Amino acid sequence: MLGKIARVLTGRYGVTVLFDTSGPRVERDRIVLPELSAEAEGAIDLDALTGQLDLLVARSKFSAIDEISALNPGVTRQIAQAIEDRRVCERLFSDYPGARGFVGKLRERTARNTHERWPTLPWRDKLIWFIDKTLWDETPAVTERTPALIATLGAVSELLQTARASRSTGESVAGAQALVARIRSLAAGDVNTMMFTADADDTLDAERVSGDPDALDAAASAETSDAASADAASVAQAPSDATAEASEARAPAAPMALDIDMIDGRPRLSIPLTTEFDLITDLTGLGDAGVWRNLRALARAETAPLTSRLERALKADEQTHWKREQERGEIDRPALAKLVVSPGYRTPFRVKRTTEGRDAAVTLLIDRSGSMAGRKMDLARLCAAALCDALMQLSFACEVLGYSSVESPEMHALYEQKLAEGEDLSRYNRRIERLDLQIYKRFGSNNPVGLGAIDCGHENPDGEALVWAAERLAAQRAGRRILMVLSDGYPATGDGHPVILRTDLRARIDQITNSGIELIGVGLLDDTVEKFYAHNIVVRKLDELPTMAFAVLSKLLLKRGHAR
């Protein structure tokens, strides 16, 4: 039966239909369908199978298959095939209107299969599926309509319209290449738009497969390769930055048309629905003293030589900065000769100058997202202990903070109430999660035992947390203020738009830097900090974190001529 259909539709008598595990594909005089062994015992969907045949016939008749095959395996080829399939199917439908129903059955079956696998699909495959459904004017299922995908689709809407008008295989390929180029430009921040996801997992290069030359080299973002999960236990184990999609699915559905714009020429900031439920916990002095002593012993083993070297450098610096030719102070021995030669000489003294090196306040801000669980958080805790202990020994003012966000039932109820009242909530980017901010060792305290309580939270709204830490730091009387941030990925919240979270972080960094605070981003197994912080380091081996962080901070503390 299928062979007869193929011969009628193609108009070629010699066409045969085969079943093979390597199908579906089109050859010169053969159409190969997928093996049916998995659908034994009468479970075969004949309509969907006929639709599969119709699709392959359309490719055989109206598509230059070699042009698609010439593309490298990967994203561009998949998108080009999706564009081309719609084009050739429309041509087939114009000749054989009945084929539309069978292809529709095929798409329904594919949609069901995709929906079942949705939570485990990499973001790249989700985007390709979204593009395919848009080309066919189909509405995605509710669980698939995540803000990240909607925003990305909005950023390429005009290119999709062009792709829908494709009149040849060459135009389909060109349309796919234009789409991929636009999306990658958005991911790299090369295009002045806000319609792209902010998560490292939300790119065409996430979940790359072996031998995929069409994907960019994004190995530095390897920690975001875990699939998104919808359950809280998985969030604690998998990178929270890679669970943005699943978290968004749990959050209230976002409107399809998001008002993503610029305000006074600046990127839109991440605005919370309310801050009344945000929680700041001061753990200064409240930790386990035994845990702190163990941490301090480990920290000193890591950084004691660096601490001694920094102290010597600071002392040497102090001894070389004197204000000479003074009427009082210490005797300046080189000036004694002037006393002999000039009896009226009255300024043979020197006064030690206040050294800028120790006139600095330092804040360490730690990302407490779920992706930091395990070894990362252990090393972050040790790093905090090493820096804090060394800075206290050297008489620097220092503070250690941590941040995350977590769903708040009270905030969720407020959101539902305002939504029921018909209020426009699209301008808010944090609707159901409250900030969970912790102070482990505050300025003015010499009790750092709270550092032993550093642990993981859930999500990481970097921009808002950065402002909170910077405001505390700015209140300190110091010649210099240094803020060091430990992070392992892009900002992410369960209910916030990823694009706005990214632009918000960039805007906050600019604002803080312009205020005179020196920012350092420390990336843990991730180079995301390079995209945001002008001064950054990426730690590839976790064991090197305390030493590398202290070395960078030491270099900055010894730096002279800092522009205020």
Protein backbone atom coordinates (compact mmCIF):
# COMPACT_ATOMS: atom_id res chain seq x y z
CA MET A 1 0.00 0.00 0.00
CA LEU A 2 2.72 2.44 0.94
CA GLY A 3 4.62 1.58 -2.22
CA LYS A 4 1.58 2.39 -4.34
CA ILE A 5 1.11 5.71 -2.55
CA ALA A 6 4.75 6.58 -3.12
CA ARG A 7 4.56 5.76 -6.83
CA VAL A 8 1.39 7.81 -7.28
CA LEU A 9 2.71 10.84 -5.42
CA THR A 10 6.15 10.82 -7.03
CA GLY A 11 4.89 9.88 -10.49
CA ARG A 12 7.78 7.39 -10.80
CA TYR A 13 6.97 3.73 -11.34
CA GLY A 14 10.29 2.39 -10.05
CA VAL A 15 10.07 3.93 -6.55
CA THR A 16 10.07 1.40 -3.69
CA VAL A 17 9.40 1.77 0.04
CA LEU A 18 11.63 0.03 2.58
CA PHE A 19 11.83 -0.15 6.37
CA ASP A 20 15.20 0.20 8.07
CA THR A 21 16.61 1.20 11.45
CA SER A 22 18.55 4.01 9.75
CA GLY A 23 15.36 5.63 8.39
CA PRO A 24 13.73 7.92 7.61
CA ARG A 25 15.63 9.04 4.53
CA VAL A 26 15.26 9.51 0.78
CA GLU A 27 17.45 7.80 -1.80
CA ARG A 28 17.39 7.89 -5.61
CA ASP A 29 14.59 5.35 -6.15
CA ARG A 30 13.91 4.34 -2.58
CA ILE A 31 12.10 5.87 0.36
CA VAL A 32 13.29 4.42 3.66
CA LEU A 33 10.90 4.52 6.62
CA PRO A 34 11.86 3.81 10.26
CA GLU A 35 11.91 0.17 11.37
CA LEU A 36 8.53 -0.91 12.75
CA SER A 37 9.69 -3.62 15.14
CA ALA A 38 9.16 -1.32 18.13
CA GLU A 39 5.48 -0.92 17.17
CA ALA A 40 4.53 -4.58 16.99
CA GLU A 41 1.26 -6.19 18.06
CA GLY A 42 -1.02 -3.87 16.16
CA ALA A 43 0.23 -0.63 17.70
CA ILE A 44 1.17 0.88 14.34
CA ASP A 45 -0.34 4.32 13.65
CA LEU A 46 -1.02 3.92 9.92
CA ASP A 47 -2.11 7.53 9.45
CA ALA A 48 1.09 8.86 11.02
CA LEU A 49 3.12 6.35 9.01
CA THR A 50 1.44 7.56 5.83
CA GLY A 51 2.19 11.11 6.87
CA GLN A 52 5.84 10.14 7.24
CA LEU A 53 5.78 8.76 3.73
CA ASP A 54 4.09 11.90 2.39
CA LEU A 55 6.79 14.05 4.00
CA LEU A 56 9.59 12.00 2.44
CA VAL A 57 7.86 12.07 -0.93
CA ALA A 58 7.63 15.87 -0.69
CA ARG A 59 11.36 16.02 0.00
CA SER A 60 12.06 13.70 -2.91
CA LYS A 61 9.97 15.74 -5.38
CA PHE A 62 10.55 19.34 -4.37
CA SER A 63 13.78 19.54 -2.35
CA ALA A 64 17.43 19.61 -3.39
CA ILE A 65 18.39 17.02 -0.78
CA ASP A 66 22.10 17.28 -1.54
CA GLU A 67 22.13 20.94 -0.47
CA ILE A 68 20.76 20.02 2.96
CA SER A 69 23.09 17.04 3.29
CA ALA A 70 26.09 19.22 2.44
CA LEU A 71 25.60 21.14 5.72
CA ASN A 72 27.58 20.01 8.74
CA PRO A 73 25.49 17.87 11.09
CA GLY A 74 24.08 20.09 13.79
CA VAL A 75 21.83 23.03 14.46
CA THR A 76 21.97 24.71 11.05
CA ARG A 77 21.07 21.50 9.21
CA GLN A 78 18.18 20.76 11.58
CA ILE A 79 16.70 24.24 11.22
CA ALA A 80 17.24 24.22 7.45
CA GLN A 81 15.41 20.87 7.25
CA ALA A 82 12.51 22.24 9.30
CA ILE A 83 12.18 25.26 6.98
CA GLU A 84 12.47 23.08 3.90
CA ASP A 85 9.93 20.51 5.17
CA ARG A 86 7.27 23.15 5.55
CA ARG A 87 8.00 24.54 2.09
CA VAL A 88 7.88 21.20 0.26
CA CYS A 89 4.83 20.00 2.20
CA GLU A 90 2.87 23.08 1.15
CA ARG A 91 3.73 22.29 -2.46
CA LEU A 92 2.60 18.70 -1.97
CA PHE A 93 -0.66 19.82 -0.35
CA SER A 94 -1.45 22.05 -3.30
CA ASP A 95 -1.28 18.99 -5.58
CA TYR A 96 -2.73 16.44 -3.14
CA PRO A 97 -4.87 18.19 -0.45
CA GLY A 98 -5.55 14.88 1.30
CA ALA A 99 -1.89 14.62 2.29
CA ARG A 100 -2.35 17.50 4.75
CA GLY A 101 -4.37 15.32 7.12
CA PHE A 102 -1.81 12.52 7.14
CA VAL A 103 1.12 14.90 7.72
CA GLY A 104 -0.95 16.47 10.49
CA LYS A 105 -1.25 13.06 12.17
CA LEU A 106 2.51 12.66 11.93
CA ARG A 107 3.05 16.04 13.56
CA GLU A 108 0.57 15.19 16.34
CA ARG A 109 2.49 12.00 17.13
CA THR A 110 5.81 13.87 17.05
CA ALA A 111 4.37 16.52 19.36
CA ARG A 112 3.26 13.88 21.87
CA ASN A 113 6.69 12.26 21.87
CA THR A 114 8.41 15.63 22.25
CA HIS A 115 6.12 16.63 25.10
CA GLU A 116 6.92 13.43 26.98
CA ARG A 117 10.66 14.07 26.65
CA TRP A 118 10.44 17.85 27.19
CA PRO A 119 12.02 18.04 30.69
CA THR A 120 15.10 16.13 29.51
CA LEU A 121 15.61 17.87 26.18
CA PRO A 122 18.59 20.24 25.85
CA TRP A 123 17.63 23.86 25.26
CA ARG A 124 18.93 23.72 21.70
CA ASP A 125 16.46 20.99 20.75
CA LYS A 126 13.66 22.88 22.46
CA LEU A 127 14.42 25.95 20.38
CA ILE A 128 14.49 23.94 17.15
CA TRP A 129 11.10 22.46 18.07
CA PHE A 130 9.74 25.94 18.79
CA ILE A 131 11.00 27.21 15.43
CA ASP A 132 9.39 24.24 13.68
CA LYS A 133 6.01 24.85 15.35
CA THR A 134 6.18 28.55 14.54
CA LEU A 135 6.82 27.78 10.88
CA TRP A 136 3.69 25.61 10.85
CA ASP A 137 1.58 28.18 12.78
CA GLU A 138 1.10 25.72 15.63
CA THR A 139 0.69 26.77 19.26
CA PRO A 140 3.15 25.16 21.71
CA ALA A 141 1.81 23.31 24.74
CA VAL A 142 1.56 25.37 27.92
CA THR A 143 4.49 23.59 29.57
CA GLU A 144 6.66 24.40 26.56
CA ARG A 145 5.98 28.13 26.58
CA THR A 146 8.87 29.21 28.77
CA PRO A 147 9.97 32.86 28.76
CA ALA A 148 13.47 31.96 27.57
CA LEU A 149 12.18 30.35 24.40
CA ILE A 150 9.53 33.00 23.82
CA ALA A 151 12.09 35.77 24.10
CA THR A 152 14.53 34.09 21.74
CA LEU A 153 11.77 33.49 19.23
CA GLY A 154 10.76 37.14 19.46
CA ALA A 155 14.33 38.19 18.70
CA VAL A 156 14.31 36.29 15.39
CA SER A 157 10.66 36.85 14.41
CA GLU A 158 11.46 38.78 11.24
CA LEU A 159 13.91 36.09 10.13
CA LEU A 160 11.25 33.44 10.72
CA GLN A 161 8.85 35.35 8.50
CA THR A 162 11.51 35.39 5.79
CA ALA A 163 12.10 31.67 6.26
CA ARG A 164 8.38 30.95 5.90
CA ALA A 165 8.49 32.62 2.49
CA SER A 166 11.30 30.33 1.28
CA ARG A 167 10.91 29.37 -2.40
CA SER A 168 13.87 27.03 -2.80
CA THR A 169 16.23 24.78 -0.88
CA GLY A 170 18.94 27.42 -1.17
CA GLU A 171 16.70 30.00 0.47
CA SER A 172 15.83 27.52 3.23
CA VAL A 173 19.53 26.97 3.94
CA ALA A 174 20.22 30.72 3.88
CA GLY A 175 17.31 31.30 6.26
CA ALA A 176 18.66 28.69 8.69
CA GLN A 177 22.13 30.20 8.58
CA ALA A 178 20.72 33.67 9.26
CA LEU A 179 18.73 32.36 12.24
CA VAL A 180 21.74 30.59 13.76
CA ALA A 181 23.97 33.63 13.21
CA ARG A 182 21.42 35.92 14.90
CA ILE A 183 20.97 33.66 17.91
CA ARG A 184 24.70 33.23 18.40
CA SER A 185 25.22 36.99 18.12
CA LEU A 186 22.61 37.46 20.83
CA ALA A 187 24.32 34.87 23.04
CA ALA A 188 27.68 36.59 22.59
CA GLY A 189 26.18 39.99 23.38
CA ASP A 190 27.13 41.34 19.94
CA VAL A 191 23.63 42.58 19.12
CA ASN A 192 21.92 45.41 21.00
CA THR A 193 18.82 43.50 21.96
CA MET A 194 17.42 41.91 25.08
CA MET A 195 15.59 39.02 23.51
CA PHE A 196 17.86 36.18 24.46
CA THR A 197 18.26 33.83 27.37
CA ALA A 198 20.82 34.56 30.01
CA ASP A 199 21.72 31.04 30.92
CA ALA A 200 24.75 29.18 29.67
CA ASP A 201 22.55 26.16 29.12
CA ASP A 202 20.18 28.26 27.02
CA THR A 203 22.35 28.48 23.94
CA LEU A 204 22.71 26.62 20.67
CA ASP A 205 26.00 25.23 22.01
CA ALA A 206 24.72 23.67 25.21
CA GLU A 207 24.37 19.89 25.30
CA ARG A 208 26.72 19.59 22.33
CA VAL A 209 27.23 16.09 21.02
CA SER A 210 30.44 14.41 19.99
CA GLY A 211 31.41 15.15 16.44
CA ASP A 212 29.09 18.15 16.06
CA PRO A 213 31.27 20.65 14.17
CA ASP A 214 28.32 23.00 13.84
CA ALA A 215 28.46 23.85 17.53
CA LEU A 216 30.77 26.48 18.91
CA ASP A 217 33.50 25.61 21.39
CA ALA A 218 31.73 26.17 24.69
CA ALA A 219 33.67 23.70 26.82
CA ALA A 220 34.17 26.26 29.56
CA SER A 221 30.44 26.12 30.26
CA ALA A 222 30.51 22.36 30.81
CA GLU A 223 28.96 22.52 34.24
CA THR A 224 25.68 23.64 32.70
CA SER A 225 25.35 20.54 30.55
CA ASP A 226 22.98 18.73 32.95
CA ALA A 227 19.39 18.59 31.79
CA ALA A 228 16.83 20.79 33.52
CA SER A 229 14.81 19.02 36.21
CA ALA A 230 11.49 19.96 37.74
CA ASP A 231 11.96 18.43 41.19
CA ALA A 232 13.69 20.15 44.07
CA ALA A 233 16.02 17.26 44.81
CA SER A 234 17.51 17.45 41.35
CA VAL A 235 17.91 21.19 41.66
CA ALA A 236 20.14 20.66 44.66
CA GLN A 237 22.38 18.30 42.73
CA ALA A 238 22.34 19.66 39.16
CA PRO A 239 23.57 23.13 38.25
CA SER A 240 20.84 25.58 39.18
CA ASP A 241 21.81 27.73 36.20
CA ALA A 242 20.91 24.78 34.00
CA THR A 243 17.51 24.37 35.70
CA ALA A 244 16.12 27.74 34.71
CA GLU A 245 13.83 26.11 32.15
CA ALA A 246 12.36 23.66 34.65
CA SER A 247 11.93 26.36 37.26
CA GLU A 248 10.16 28.58 34.76
CA ALA A 249 7.78 25.72 34.03
CA ARG A 250 6.91 25.58 37.75
CA ALA A 251 6.38 29.32 37.95
CA PRO A 252 3.18 31.03 36.79
CA ALA A 253 2.95 31.15 33.03
CA ALA A 254 4.59 34.27 31.65
CA PRO A 255 2.74 36.37 29.09
CA MET A 256 3.55 35.56 25.49
CA ALA A 257 4.40 39.18 24.63
CA LEU A 258 6.98 40.43 27.12
CA ASP A 259 7.67 44.13 27.34
CA ILE A 260 11.42 43.91 26.97
CA ASP A 261 12.69 47.38 26.21
CA MET A 262 15.20 50.06 27.12
CA ILE A 263 14.66 52.72 29.75
CA ASP A 264 16.45 56.01 29.09
CA GLY A 265 18.85 54.21 26.80
CA ARG A 266 19.85 51.69 29.49
CA PRO A 267 18.97 48.00 29.68
CA ARG A 268 15.89 47.16 31.65
CA LEU A 269 16.60 46.24 35.28
CA SER A 270 15.20 43.25 37.12
CA ILE A 271 12.41 44.70 39.26
CA PRO A 272 10.85 42.58 42.03
CA LEU A 273 7.13 42.51 42.67
CA THR A 274 7.90 43.34 46.30
CA THR A 275 10.87 43.27 48.67
CA GLU A 276 8.88 42.89 51.89
CA PHE A 277 9.50 39.15 52.01
CA ASP A 278 13.24 39.35 51.34
CA LEU A 279 15.21 37.86 54.22
CA ILE A 280 18.60 39.03 55.49
CA THR A 281 20.13 36.74 58.12
CA ASP A 282 23.14 37.90 60.14
CA LEU A 283 25.13 34.83 61.15
CA THR A 284 28.14 36.74 62.45
CA GLY A 285 29.47 34.90 65.50
CA LEU A 286 26.67 32.29 65.36
CA GLY A 287 28.52 29.41 63.72
CA ASP A 288 30.21 26.39 65.24
CA ALA A 289 33.58 27.47 66.67
CA GLY A 290 35.02 24.00 66.07
CA VAL A 291 34.07 24.11 62.40
CA TRP A 292 35.68 27.54 62.08
CA ARG A 293 38.91 26.36 63.70
CA ASN A 294 39.13 23.46 61.27
CA LEU A 295 38.44 25.80 58.35
CA ARG A 296 41.06 28.26 59.56
CA ALA A 297 43.67 25.51 59.90
CA LEU A 298 43.00 24.33 56.34
CA ALA A 299 42.96 27.89 55.06
CA ARG A 300 46.28 28.79 56.64
CA ALA A 301 47.83 25.68 55.17
CA GLU A 302 46.75 26.97 51.77
CA THR A 303 47.57 30.66 52.04
CA ALA A 304 50.00 31.19 54.94
CA PRO A 305 53.02 31.77 52.63
CA LEU A 306 50.99 34.24 50.55
CA THR A 307 49.81 36.04 53.67
CA SER A 308 53.39 36.43 54.94
CA ARG A 309 54.55 37.65 51.56
CA LEU A 310 51.74 40.21 51.37
CA GLU A 311 52.50 41.45 54.89
CA ARG A 312 56.18 41.89 54.03
CA ALA A 313 55.26 43.74 50.88
CA LEU A 314 52.93 46.04 52.79
CA LYS A 315 55.55 46.76 55.46
CA ALA A 316 58.23 47.42 52.86
CA ASP A 317 55.83 49.75 51.13
CA GLU A 318 55.16 51.59 54.37
CA GLN A 319 58.90 52.02 55.07
CA THR A 320 59.53 53.64 51.70
CA HIS A 321 56.83 56.31 52.00
CA TRP A 322 57.97 59.26 54.12
CA LYS A 323 57.12 62.90 54.15
CA ARG A 324 60.49 64.65 54.44
CA GLU A 325 61.56 68.23 55.22
CA GLN A 326 59.34 68.44 58.29
CA GLU A 327 59.84 70.62 61.38
CA ARG A 328 58.95 67.73 63.69
CA GLY A 329 58.91 63.95 63.57
CA GLU A 330 61.70 61.42 63.31
CA ILE A 331 65.25 62.56 62.51
CA ASP A 332 65.94 62.18 58.82
CA ARG A 333 69.58 61.11 58.83
CA PRO A 334 70.41 62.24 55.29
CA ALA A 335 69.28 65.74 56.34
CA LEU A 336 71.78 65.98 59.20
CA ALA A 337 74.49 67.13 56.79
CA LYS A 338 72.37 70.18 55.99
CA LEU A 339 72.33 71.11 59.68
CA VAL A 340 76.13 71.30 59.67
CA VAL A 341 76.36 73.26 56.44
CA SER A 342 73.33 75.54 57.12
CA PRO A 343 72.93 76.50 60.80
CA GLY A 344 69.49 78.02 60.05
CA TYR A 345 68.14 74.81 58.60
CA ARG A 346 64.98 73.86 60.54
CA THR A 347 63.42 70.86 58.74
CA PRO A 348 65.64 67.82 59.34
CA PHE A 349 62.67 65.59 60.25
CA ARG A 350 60.50 63.08 58.44
CA VAL A 351 56.98 61.77 59.06
CA LYS A 352 55.70 58.36 58.00
CA ARG A 353 52.93 58.70 55.47
CA THR A 354 49.64 56.83 55.81
CA THR A 355 49.81 53.94 53.40
CA GLU A 356 46.87 53.45 51.08
CA GLY A 357 47.50 49.72 50.94
CA ARG A 358 45.80 49.07 54.30
CA ASP A 359 43.18 51.76 53.88
CA ALA A 360 40.87 49.39 52.05
CA ALA A 361 37.65 47.52 52.79
CA VAL A 362 37.01 44.16 51.14
CA THR A 363 33.73 42.25 50.65
CA LEU A 364 33.51 38.64 49.49
CA LEU A 365 30.12 37.80 47.94
CA ILE A 366 29.35 34.10 47.39
CA ASP A 367 26.86 32.65 44.90
CA ARG A 368 24.80 30.12 46.90
CA SER A 369 22.88 28.65 43.96
CA GLY A 370 22.15 24.92 43.78
CA SER A 371 24.87 24.46 41.17
CA MET A 372 27.43 25.27 43.88
CA ALA A 373 26.51 22.16 45.85
CA GLY A 374 29.22 19.71 46.76
CA ARG A 375 32.89 20.34 46.03
CA LYS A 376 32.33 23.87 44.74
CA MET A 377 30.72 25.04 47.96
CA ASP A 378 33.34 23.29 50.08
CA LEU A 379 36.08 25.17 48.25
CA ALA A 380 34.13 28.44 48.31
CA ARG A 381 33.82 28.09 52.09
CA LEU A 382 37.56 27.39 52.39
CA CYS A 383 38.32 30.34 50.11
CA ALA A 384 36.18 32.64 52.26
CA ALA A 385 37.97 31.42 55.39
CA ALA A 386 41.40 31.94 53.81
CA LEU A 387 40.65 35.49 52.63
CA CYS A 388 38.86 36.53 55.78
CA ASP A 389 41.54 35.14 58.11
CA ALA A 390 44.38 36.73 56.13
CA LEU A 391 42.66 40.12 55.85
CA MET A 392 41.94 40.18 59.57
CA GLN A 393 45.59 39.36 60.34
CA LEU A 394 46.66 42.24 58.08
CA SER A 395 44.21 44.70 59.67
CA PHE A 396 41.96 45.11 56.62
CA ALA A 397 38.24 45.67 57.11
CA CYS A 398 36.39 42.74 55.54
CA GLU A 399 32.95 41.22 55.20
CA VAL A 400 31.69 37.88 53.85
CA LEU A 401 28.18 37.62 52.34
CA GLY A 402 26.13 35.01 50.49
CA TYR A 403 23.05 35.22 48.29
CA SER A 404 20.35 33.12 46.67
CA SER A 405 16.61 33.27 46.08
CA VAL A 406 13.86 30.82 46.99
CA GLU A 407 10.15 30.57 46.29
CA SER A 408 8.06 32.36 48.90
CA PRO A 409 4.47 31.16 49.54
CA GLU A 410 3.52 34.63 50.77
CA MET A 411 4.97 36.31 47.69
CA HIS A 412 3.31 33.70 45.46
CA ALA A 413 -0.05 34.46 47.09
CA LEU A 414 0.46 38.19 46.52
CA TYR A 415 1.29 37.52 42.88
CA GLU A 416 -1.88 35.45 42.40
CA GLN A 417 -3.94 38.14 44.11
CA LYS A 418 -2.64 40.91 41.87
CA LEU A 419 -3.03 38.69 38.83
CA ALA A 420 -6.67 38.01 39.74
CA GLU A 421 -7.23 41.76 40.14
CA GLY A 422 -6.13 42.22 36.54
CA GLU A 423 -2.96 44.15 37.36
CA ASP A 424 -0.28 44.23 34.65
CA LEU A 425 2.68 42.37 36.18
CA SER A 426 4.84 42.17 33.07
CA ARG A 427 7.16 44.90 34.35
CA TYR A 428 8.23 42.72 37.28
CA ASN A 429 10.96 40.14 36.90
CA ARG A 430 10.87 38.52 40.34
CA ARG A 431 7.30 37.65 41.17
CA ILE A 432 7.24 34.63 43.49
CA GLU A 433 10.80 34.32 44.83
CA ARG A 434 12.24 36.21 47.77
CA LEU A 435 15.90 37.04 48.25
CA ASP A 436 17.70 34.89 50.80
CA LEU A 437 20.71 36.98 51.84
CA GLN A 438 23.16 35.94 54.54
CA ILE A 439 25.92 37.77 56.42
CA TYR A 440 28.59 35.38 57.65
CA LYS A 441 31.04 37.98 58.95
CA ARG A 442 30.12 41.66 59.00
CA PHE A 443 32.33 44.71 58.99
CA GLY A 444 33.39 45.76 62.49
CA SER A 445 33.33 42.25 63.92
CA ASN A 446 36.40 40.16 64.66
CA ASN A 447 34.38 36.96 65.09
CA PRO A 448 34.37 34.96 61.83
CA VAL A 449 32.87 31.70 63.13
CA GLY A 450 29.77 32.30 61.02
CA LEU A 451 31.77 31.27 57.94
CA GLY A 452 31.26 27.66 58.96
CA ALA A 453 27.54 28.10 58.17
CA ILE A 454 28.07 28.89 54.46
CA ASP A 455 25.87 26.55 52.44
CA CYS A 456 23.80 26.30 49.24
CA GLY A 457 20.43 27.86 48.56
CA HIS A 458 18.45 27.67 45.32
CA GLU A 459 18.71 30.29 42.56
CA ASN A 460 21.11 33.23 42.03
CA PRO A 461 19.75 36.73 41.20
CA ASP A 462 23.25 38.21 40.83
CA GLY A 463 22.31 41.80 40.01
CA GLU A 464 20.14 42.45 43.06
CA ALA A 465 22.61 40.70 45.37
CA LEU A 466 25.50 42.72 43.95
CA VAL A 467 23.70 45.99 44.71
CA TRP A 468 23.00 44.86 48.27
CA ALA A 469 26.66 43.97 48.87
CA ALA A 470 27.90 47.18 47.21
CA GLU A 471 25.64 49.37 49.34
CA ARG A 472 27.02 47.78 52.51
CA LEU A 473 30.57 48.21 51.23
CA ALA A 474 30.02 51.84 50.20
CA ALA A 475 28.98 52.68 53.76
CA GLN A 476 32.49 51.83 55.03
CA ARG A 477 35.01 54.62 55.61
CA ALA A 478 37.93 53.52 53.46
CA GLY A 479 40.20 54.88 50.78
CA ARG A 480 39.48 51.90 48.56
CA ARG A 481 36.61 49.44 48.38
CA ILE A 482 36.99 46.01 46.76
CA LEU A 483 34.13 43.60 46.03
CA MET A 484 35.04 40.04 45.02
CA VAL A 485 32.25 37.80 43.66
CA LEU A 486 32.47 33.99 43.55
CA SER A 487 30.08 32.55 40.96
CA ASP A 488 29.74 29.54 38.70
CA GLY A 489 27.40 30.68 35.94
CA TYR A 490 24.83 33.12 34.63
CA PRO A 491 22.25 34.76 36.88
CA ALA A 492 19.06 32.72 37.14
CA THR A 493 15.81 32.64 39.08
CA GLY A 494 12.85 30.32 38.84
CA ASP A 495 10.41 33.05 37.84
CA GLY A 496 12.64 35.74 36.30
CA HIS A 497 13.21 36.38 32.63
CA PRO A 498 16.79 35.26 31.88
CA VAL A 499 17.40 38.08 29.42
CA ILE A 500 16.51 40.74 31.95
CA LEU A 501 18.61 39.03 34.61
CA ARG A 502 21.62 39.26 32.30
CA THR A 503 21.12 42.90 31.28
CA ASP A 504 20.32 43.77 34.89
CA LEU A 505 23.66 42.33 36.02
CA ARG A 506 25.58 44.27 33.38
CA ALA A 507 23.81 47.50 34.32
CA ARG A 508 24.45 46.94 38.04
CA ILE A 509 28.13 46.24 37.42
CA ASP A 510 28.48 49.47 35.44
CA GLN A 511 26.73 51.39 38.20
CA ILE A 512 28.89 49.91 40.96
CA THR A 513 32.13 50.36 39.02
CA ASN A 514 31.30 54.00 38.31
CA SER A 515 30.77 54.55 42.04
CA GLY A 516 34.46 53.74 42.63
CA ILE A 517 34.13 50.20 43.93
CA GLU A 518 36.63 47.76 42.42
CA LEU A 519 34.95 44.57 41.24
CA ILE A 520 36.55 41.16 40.72
CA GLY A 521 34.64 38.20 39.30
CA VAL A 522 35.88 34.72 40.18
CA GLY A 523 34.44 31.97 37.98
CA LEU A 524 34.35 28.41 39.31
CA LEU A 525 34.81 25.97 36.41
CA ASP A 526 32.98 28.52 34.26
CA ASP A 527 34.06 31.53 32.21
CA THR A 528 30.77 33.44 32.49
CA VAL A 529 32.51 36.06 34.66
CA GLU A 530 34.53 37.08 31.60
CA LYS A 531 31.32 38.28 29.95
CA PHE A 532 30.41 40.59 32.83
CA TYR A 533 33.40 41.61 34.96
CA ALA A 534 36.28 43.63 33.51
CA HIS A 535 38.59 42.18 36.18
CA ASN A 536 38.10 38.43 36.43
CA ILE A 537 39.76 35.08 36.91
CA VAL A 538 38.50 31.63 35.97
CA VAL A 539 39.43 28.74 38.25
CA ARG A 540 39.71 25.55 36.21
CA LYS A 541 40.86 23.36 39.10
CA LEU A 542 38.80 23.81 42.24
CA ASP A 543 41.71 22.99 44.53
CA GLU A 544 43.44 26.15 43.27
CA LEU A 545 40.56 28.45 44.28
CA PRO A 546 41.84 29.76 47.66
CA THR A 547 45.38 30.33 46.35
CA MET A 548 44.31 32.00 43.10
CA ALA A 549 41.71 34.21 44.75
CA PHE A 550 44.16 35.35 47.42
CA ALA A 551 46.89 36.00 44.86
CA VAL A 552 44.59 38.21 42.79
CA LEU A 553 43.37 40.08 45.84
CA SER A 554 46.94 40.58 47.07
CA LYS A 555 47.97 42.04 43.74
CA LEU A 556 45.03 44.43 43.87
CA LEU A 557 45.78 45.48 47.45
CA LEU A 558 49.36 46.34 46.48
CA LYS A 559 48.22 48.26 43.41
CA ARG A 560 49.01 51.97 43.44
CA GLY A 561 47.45 54.88 41.67
CA HIS A 562 43.94 53.48 41.65
CA ALA A 563 41.55 55.98 40.07
CA ARG A 564 39.01 57.11 42.60
